C-alpha cells in the first residue's frame, strides 16, 4: 500500500498516531490560515489533531497523482459552513510526508463571522 493510501486511511479513521508515523521528522506544513509554515513532526501532528477536532463530516472525494506529489481532494464543514479543499502531499525518499500543503475554499469557511 502506498504512503498516500496509508495516510488517507489513517485520516479517515481519525488515527492521529498513524498520521504522525507517516510524517517526516522535519515535515513542512503549509496552512491555508497562516503565512508561515509549521515545521516538525510533533508540531504538525498536534495541529492536525486540533483540526480533526474542529472539522466535521470530513471525507476524501477524489485523488490525483503526479511525479512526486499526491493530492487528496476533500469536503468537510466547520461550524456549519461547507468547505472543499486539497491536501497536497510530497514524499521523501523514505516514503514519509516531507511537505504538506492544504488549500481550502471558500475563505469564509476559515474565518468566523
N, C-alpha and C. Protein backbone atom coordinates (compact mmCIF):
# COMPACT_ATOMS: atom_id res chain seq x y z
N UNK A 1 0.85 -1.17 0.00
CA UNK A 1 0.00 0.00 0.00
C UNK A 1 0.90 1.24 0.00
N UNK A 2 0.54 2.23 -0.79
CA UNK A 2 1.35 3.45 -0.89
C UNK A 2 1.25 4.28 0.39
N UNK A 3 2.21 5.17 0.57
CA UNK A 3 2.18 6.08 1.73
C UNK A 3 0.95 6.97 1.68
N UNK A 4 0.57 7.41 0.48
CA UNK A 4 -0.63 8.26 0.34
C UNK A 4 -1.88 7.49 0.76
N UNK A 5 -1.97 6.23 0.38
CA UNK A 5 -3.12 5.41 0.76
C UNK A 5 -3.15 5.18 2.27
N UNK A 6 -1.98 4.94 2.87
CA UNK A 6 -1.92 4.76 4.32
C UNK A 6 -2.32 6.05 5.04
N UNK A 7 -1.88 7.21 4.51
CA UNK A 7 -2.26 8.49 5.09
C UNK A 7 -3.77 8.68 5.01
N UNK A 8 -4.34 8.43 3.85
CA UNK A 8 -5.79 8.60 3.67
C UNK A 8 -6.55 7.72 4.66
N UNK A 9 -6.17 6.47 4.77
CA UNK A 9 -6.85 5.56 5.69
C UNK A 9 -6.72 6.04 7.14
N UNK A 10 -5.54 6.50 7.52
CA UNK A 10 -5.34 6.98 8.89
C UNK A 10 -6.21 8.20 9.18
N UNK A 11 -6.27 9.13 8.23
CA UNK A 11 -7.12 10.32 8.41
C UNK A 11 -8.58 9.92 8.50
N UNK A 12 -9.01 9.05 7.63
CA UNK A 12 -10.42 8.63 7.62
C UNK A 12 -10.80 7.88 8.90
N UNK A 13 -9.84 7.21 9.53
CA UNK A 13 -10.09 6.53 10.82
C UNK A 13 -9.96 7.48 12.00
N UNK A 14 -9.38 8.67 11.76
CA UNK A 14 -9.12 9.60 12.85
C UNK A 14 -7.96 9.14 13.72
N UNK A 15 -7.04 8.41 13.14
CA UNK A 15 -5.91 7.83 13.87
C UNK A 15 -4.69 8.75 13.78
N UNK A 16 -4.60 9.70 14.69
CA UNK A 16 -3.52 10.69 14.65
C UNK A 16 -2.15 10.04 14.86
N UNK A 17 -2.07 8.95 15.60
CA UNK A 17 -0.79 8.27 15.79
C UNK A 17 -0.28 7.68 14.47
N UNK A 18 -1.20 7.12 13.69
CA UNK A 18 -0.81 6.58 12.38
C UNK A 18 -0.42 7.70 11.43
N UNK A 19 -1.12 8.84 11.50
CA UNK A 19 -0.75 10.00 10.69
C UNK A 19 0.64 10.49 11.09
N UNK A 20 0.90 10.62 12.40
CA UNK A 20 2.20 11.07 12.90
C UNK A 20 3.32 10.18 12.36
N UNK A 21 3.10 8.88 12.33
CA UNK A 21 4.12 7.94 11.87
C UNK A 21 4.46 8.13 10.39
N UNK A 22 3.58 8.76 9.63
CA UNK A 22 3.81 8.97 8.20
C UNK A 22 4.45 10.33 7.90
N UNK A 23 4.65 11.15 8.93
CA UNK A 23 5.27 12.46 8.75
C UNK A 23 6.78 12.36 8.91
N UNK A 24 7.52 12.99 8.01
CA UNK A 24 8.97 13.07 8.15
C UNK A 24 9.30 13.89 9.39
N UNK A 25 10.42 13.63 10.03
CA UNK A 25 10.79 14.39 11.24
C UNK A 25 10.80 15.90 11.02
N UNK A 26 11.19 16.33 9.82
CA UNK A 26 11.27 17.76 9.52
C UNK A 26 10.19 18.21 8.53
N UNK A 27 9.04 17.55 8.55
CA UNK A 27 7.94 17.88 7.65
C UNK A 27 7.62 19.38 7.72
N UNK A 28 7.24 19.94 6.58
CA UNK A 28 6.82 21.33 6.49
C UNK A 28 5.35 21.34 6.10
N UNK A 29 4.54 22.01 6.94
CA UNK A 29 3.09 22.07 6.72
C UNK A 29 2.71 23.50 6.37
N UNK A 30 2.07 23.66 5.20
CA UNK A 30 1.62 24.97 4.73
C UNK A 30 0.11 25.06 4.95
N UNK A 31 -0.29 25.91 5.87
CA UNK A 31 -1.68 26.05 6.26
C UNK A 31 -2.38 27.10 5.40
N UNK A 32 -3.68 26.92 5.14
CA UNK A 32 -4.41 27.96 4.43
C UNK A 32 -4.71 29.17 5.31
N UNK A 33 -4.47 29.05 6.61
CA UNK A 33 -4.84 30.11 7.55
C UNK A 33 -3.68 30.98 7.98
N UNK A 34 -2.44 30.56 7.73
CA UNK A 34 -1.28 31.33 8.17
C UNK A 34 -0.27 31.47 7.04
N UNK A 35 0.52 32.53 7.12
CA UNK A 35 1.55 32.76 6.11
C UNK A 35 2.76 31.87 6.35
N UNK A 36 3.17 31.74 7.59
CA UNK A 36 4.37 30.96 7.92
C UNK A 36 4.02 29.48 8.05
N UNK A 37 4.88 28.62 7.54
CA UNK A 37 4.63 27.18 7.66
C UNK A 37 4.91 26.68 9.08
N UNK A 38 4.35 25.52 9.37
CA UNK A 38 4.63 24.80 10.61
C UNK A 38 5.66 23.74 10.26
N UNK A 39 6.64 23.54 11.13
CA UNK A 39 7.73 22.62 10.83
C UNK A 39 7.90 21.61 11.96
N UNK A 40 8.09 20.35 11.58
CA UNK A 40 8.39 19.30 12.54
C UNK A 40 7.22 18.37 12.77
N UNK A 41 7.56 17.09 12.93
CA UNK A 41 6.56 16.03 13.09
C UNK A 41 5.59 16.30 14.25
N UNK A 42 6.11 16.61 15.43
CA UNK A 42 5.24 16.78 16.59
C UNK A 42 4.36 18.02 16.46
N UNK A 43 4.91 19.10 15.92
CA UNK A 43 4.14 20.33 15.72
C UNK A 43 3.00 20.09 14.74
N UNK A 44 3.32 19.46 13.62
CA UNK A 44 2.30 19.21 12.59
C UNK A 44 1.26 18.21 13.09
N UNK A 45 1.68 17.18 13.78
CA UNK A 45 0.72 16.19 14.31
C UNK A 45 -0.22 16.86 15.31
N UNK A 46 0.29 17.73 16.16
CA UNK A 46 -0.57 18.44 17.12
C UNK A 46 -1.57 19.33 16.39
N UNK A 47 -1.12 20.02 15.37
CA UNK A 47 -2.01 20.86 14.58
C UNK A 47 -3.09 20.03 13.90
N UNK A 48 -2.72 18.92 13.30
CA UNK A 48 -3.69 18.06 12.64
C UNK A 48 -4.70 17.47 13.63
N UNK A 49 -4.26 17.21 14.84
CA UNK A 49 -5.17 16.73 15.87
C UNK A 49 -6.22 17.79 16.20
N UNK A 50 -5.81 19.03 16.31
CA UNK A 50 -6.75 20.13 16.58
C UNK A 50 -7.72 20.28 15.41
N UNK A 51 -7.20 20.24 14.19
CA UNK A 51 -8.05 20.34 13.01
C UNK A 51 -9.07 19.21 13.00
N UNK A 52 -8.63 18.02 13.33
CA UNK A 52 -9.53 16.87 13.36
C UNK A 52 -10.67 17.02 14.34
N UNK A 53 -10.44 17.78 15.42
CA UNK A 53 -11.49 18.01 16.41
C UNK A 53 -12.42 19.15 16.00
N UNK A 54 -11.98 19.98 15.06
CA UNK A 54 -12.74 21.16 14.64
C UNK A 54 -13.60 20.89 13.41
N UNK A 55 -13.07 20.10 12.50
CA UNK A 55 -13.74 19.84 11.22
C UNK A 55 -14.77 18.73 11.40
N UNK A 56 -15.92 18.92 10.77
CA UNK A 56 -17.00 17.93 10.84
C UNK A 56 -17.22 17.32 9.46
N UNK A 57 -17.73 16.10 9.44
CA UNK A 57 -18.11 15.42 8.21
C UNK A 57 -17.00 15.43 7.16
N UNK A 58 -15.76 15.23 7.61
CA UNK A 58 -14.61 15.22 6.70
C UNK A 58 -14.63 13.95 5.87
N UNK A 59 -14.43 14.11 4.56
CA UNK A 59 -14.36 12.95 3.69
C UNK A 59 -13.54 13.28 2.44
N UNK A 60 -12.72 12.35 2.04
CA UNK A 60 -11.99 12.50 0.78
C UNK A 60 -12.91 12.07 -0.34
N UNK A 61 -12.87 12.83 -1.43
CA UNK A 61 -13.76 12.55 -2.56
C UNK A 61 -13.03 12.11 -3.82
N UNK A 62 -11.78 12.55 -3.97
CA UNK A 62 -11.01 12.23 -5.17
C UNK A 62 -9.53 12.22 -4.85
N UNK A 63 -8.75 11.69 -5.77
CA UNK A 63 -7.30 11.68 -5.64
C UNK A 63 -6.67 11.97 -6.99
N UNK A 64 -5.56 12.70 -6.96
CA UNK A 64 -4.77 12.96 -8.15
C UNK A 64 -3.32 12.67 -7.81
N UNK A 65 -2.58 12.14 -8.78
CA UNK A 65 -1.18 11.83 -8.53
C UNK A 65 -0.35 12.31 -9.71
N UNK A 66 0.80 12.90 -9.39
CA UNK A 66 1.76 13.33 -10.40
C UNK A 66 3.15 13.00 -9.87
N UNK A 67 4.17 13.26 -10.66
CA UNK A 67 5.53 12.97 -10.21
C UNK A 67 5.82 13.66 -8.89
N UNK A 68 6.05 12.86 -7.86
CA UNK A 68 6.45 13.39 -6.57
C UNK A 68 5.36 14.04 -5.74
N UNK A 69 4.13 14.04 -6.20
CA UNK A 69 3.05 14.68 -5.43
C UNK A 69 1.78 13.85 -5.51
N UNK A 70 1.00 13.94 -4.44
CA UNK A 70 -0.27 13.24 -4.37
C UNK A 70 -1.29 14.22 -3.78
N UNK A 71 -2.40 14.43 -4.47
CA UNK A 71 -3.44 15.35 -3.99
C UNK A 71 -4.66 14.55 -3.58
N UNK A 72 -5.11 14.80 -2.36
CA UNK A 72 -6.33 14.20 -1.84
C UNK A 72 -7.36 15.32 -1.73
N UNK A 73 -8.44 15.22 -2.49
CA UNK A 73 -9.47 16.26 -2.51
C UNK A 73 -10.51 15.89 -1.46
N UNK A 74 -10.93 16.90 -0.68
CA UNK A 74 -11.86 16.62 0.41
C UNK A 74 -13.01 17.61 0.46
N UNK A 75 -14.02 17.20 1.20
CA UNK A 75 -15.15 18.06 1.58
C UNK A 75 -15.32 17.90 3.08
N UNK A 76 -15.78 18.97 3.71
CA UNK A 76 -15.99 18.96 5.16
C UNK A 76 -16.83 20.16 5.52
N UNK A 77 -17.09 20.32 6.81
CA UNK A 77 -17.75 21.53 7.28
C UNK A 77 -17.11 21.96 8.59
N UNK A 78 -17.17 23.27 8.83
CA UNK A 78 -16.69 23.86 10.07
C UNK A 78 -17.77 24.83 10.53
N UNK A 79 -18.31 24.57 11.72
CA UNK A 79 -19.37 25.42 12.28
C UNK A 79 -20.50 25.60 11.28
N UNK A 80 -20.87 24.53 10.59
CA UNK A 80 -21.98 24.57 9.65
C UNK A 80 -21.66 25.13 8.28
N UNK A 81 -20.43 25.56 8.05
CA UNK A 81 -20.03 26.08 6.74
C UNK A 81 -19.33 24.98 5.93
N UNK A 82 -19.82 24.77 4.73
CA UNK A 82 -19.24 23.75 3.85
C UNK A 82 -17.92 24.22 3.27
N UNK A 83 -16.95 23.31 3.23
CA UNK A 83 -15.64 23.56 2.66
C UNK A 83 -15.30 22.48 1.65
N UNK A 84 -14.45 22.83 0.73
CA UNK A 84 -13.78 21.81 -0.06
C UNK A 84 -12.33 22.22 -0.19
N UNK A 85 -11.48 21.23 -0.34
CA UNK A 85 -10.07 21.55 -0.38
C UNK A 85 -9.22 20.40 -0.88
N UNK A 86 -7.94 20.65 -0.79
CA UNK A 86 -6.94 19.69 -1.26
C UNK A 86 -5.85 19.55 -0.21
N UNK A 87 -5.51 18.33 0.11
CA UNK A 87 -4.30 18.01 0.86
C UNK A 87 -3.26 17.61 -0.18
N UNK A 88 -2.25 18.45 -0.39
CA UNK A 88 -1.21 18.17 -1.35
C UNK A 88 0.00 17.62 -0.60
N UNK A 89 0.34 16.39 -0.86
CA UNK A 89 1.41 15.68 -0.15
C UNK A 89 2.59 15.44 -1.07
N UNK A 90 3.79 15.73 -0.55
CA UNK A 90 5.03 15.40 -1.25
C UNK A 90 5.85 14.52 -0.30
N UNK A 91 6.40 13.45 -0.84
CA UNK A 91 7.07 12.44 -0.03
C UNK A 91 8.58 12.48 -0.19
N UNK A 92 9.29 12.08 0.87
CA UNK A 92 10.74 11.97 0.79
C UNK A 92 11.13 10.59 0.28
N UNK A 93 12.42 10.32 0.22
CA UNK A 93 12.93 9.05 -0.30
C UNK A 93 12.49 7.85 0.55
N UNK A 94 12.15 8.10 1.82
CA UNK A 94 11.70 7.03 2.71
C UNK A 94 10.19 6.82 2.66
N UNK A 95 9.47 7.58 1.83
CA UNK A 95 8.03 7.45 1.73
C UNK A 95 7.28 8.20 2.81
N UNK A 96 7.99 9.09 3.53
CA UNK A 96 7.34 9.90 4.56
C UNK A 96 6.94 11.25 3.97
N UNK A 97 5.91 11.85 4.54
CA UNK A 97 5.43 13.14 4.05
C UNK A 97 6.44 14.21 4.46
N UNK A 98 7.07 14.83 3.47
CA UNK A 98 8.08 15.85 3.71
C UNK A 98 7.49 17.26 3.58
N UNK A 99 6.48 17.40 2.74
CA UNK A 99 5.85 18.69 2.50
C UNK A 99 4.35 18.46 2.37
N UNK A 100 3.57 19.26 3.10
CA UNK A 100 2.13 19.05 3.20
C UNK A 100 1.47 20.43 3.07
N UNK A 101 0.74 20.63 2.00
CA UNK A 101 0.06 21.90 1.77
C UNK A 101 -1.44 21.66 1.75
N UNK A 102 -2.18 22.49 2.48
CA UNK A 102 -3.63 22.41 2.47
C UNK A 102 -4.17 23.67 1.80
N UNK A 103 -5.05 23.46 0.83
CA UNK A 103 -5.74 24.57 0.16
C UNK A 103 -7.23 24.37 0.39
N UNK A 104 -7.92 25.45 0.76
CA UNK A 104 -9.34 25.37 1.12
C UNK A 104 -10.11 26.49 0.45
N UNK A 105 -11.33 26.21 0.06
CA UNK A 105 -12.25 27.22 -0.40
C UNK A 105 -13.62 26.94 0.20
N UNK A 106 -14.46 27.87 0.44
CA UNK A 106 -14.20 29.29 0.33
C UNK A 106 -13.48 29.81 1.58
N UNK A 107 -12.91 30.97 1.44
CA UNK A 107 -12.19 31.60 2.55
C UNK A 107 -13.10 31.77 3.77
N UNK A 108 -14.35 32.04 3.53
CA UNK A 108 -15.29 32.27 4.64
C UNK A 108 -15.44 31.04 5.53
N UNK A 109 -15.07 29.87 5.02
CA UNK A 109 -15.12 28.66 5.84
C UNK A 109 -14.07 28.64 6.93
N UNK A 110 -13.04 29.46 6.78
CA UNK A 110 -11.96 29.51 7.77
C UNK A 110 -12.09 30.69 8.73
N UNK A 111 -12.90 31.69 8.33
CA UNK A 111 -12.99 32.91 9.12
C UNK A 111 -14.34 32.96 9.82
N UNK A 112 -14.35 33.01 11.15
CA UNK A 112 -15.64 33.10 11.85
C UNK A 112 -16.28 34.46 11.62
N UNK A 113 -17.60 34.47 11.54
CA UNK A 113 -18.32 35.73 11.32
C UNK A 113 -18.59 36.42 12.63
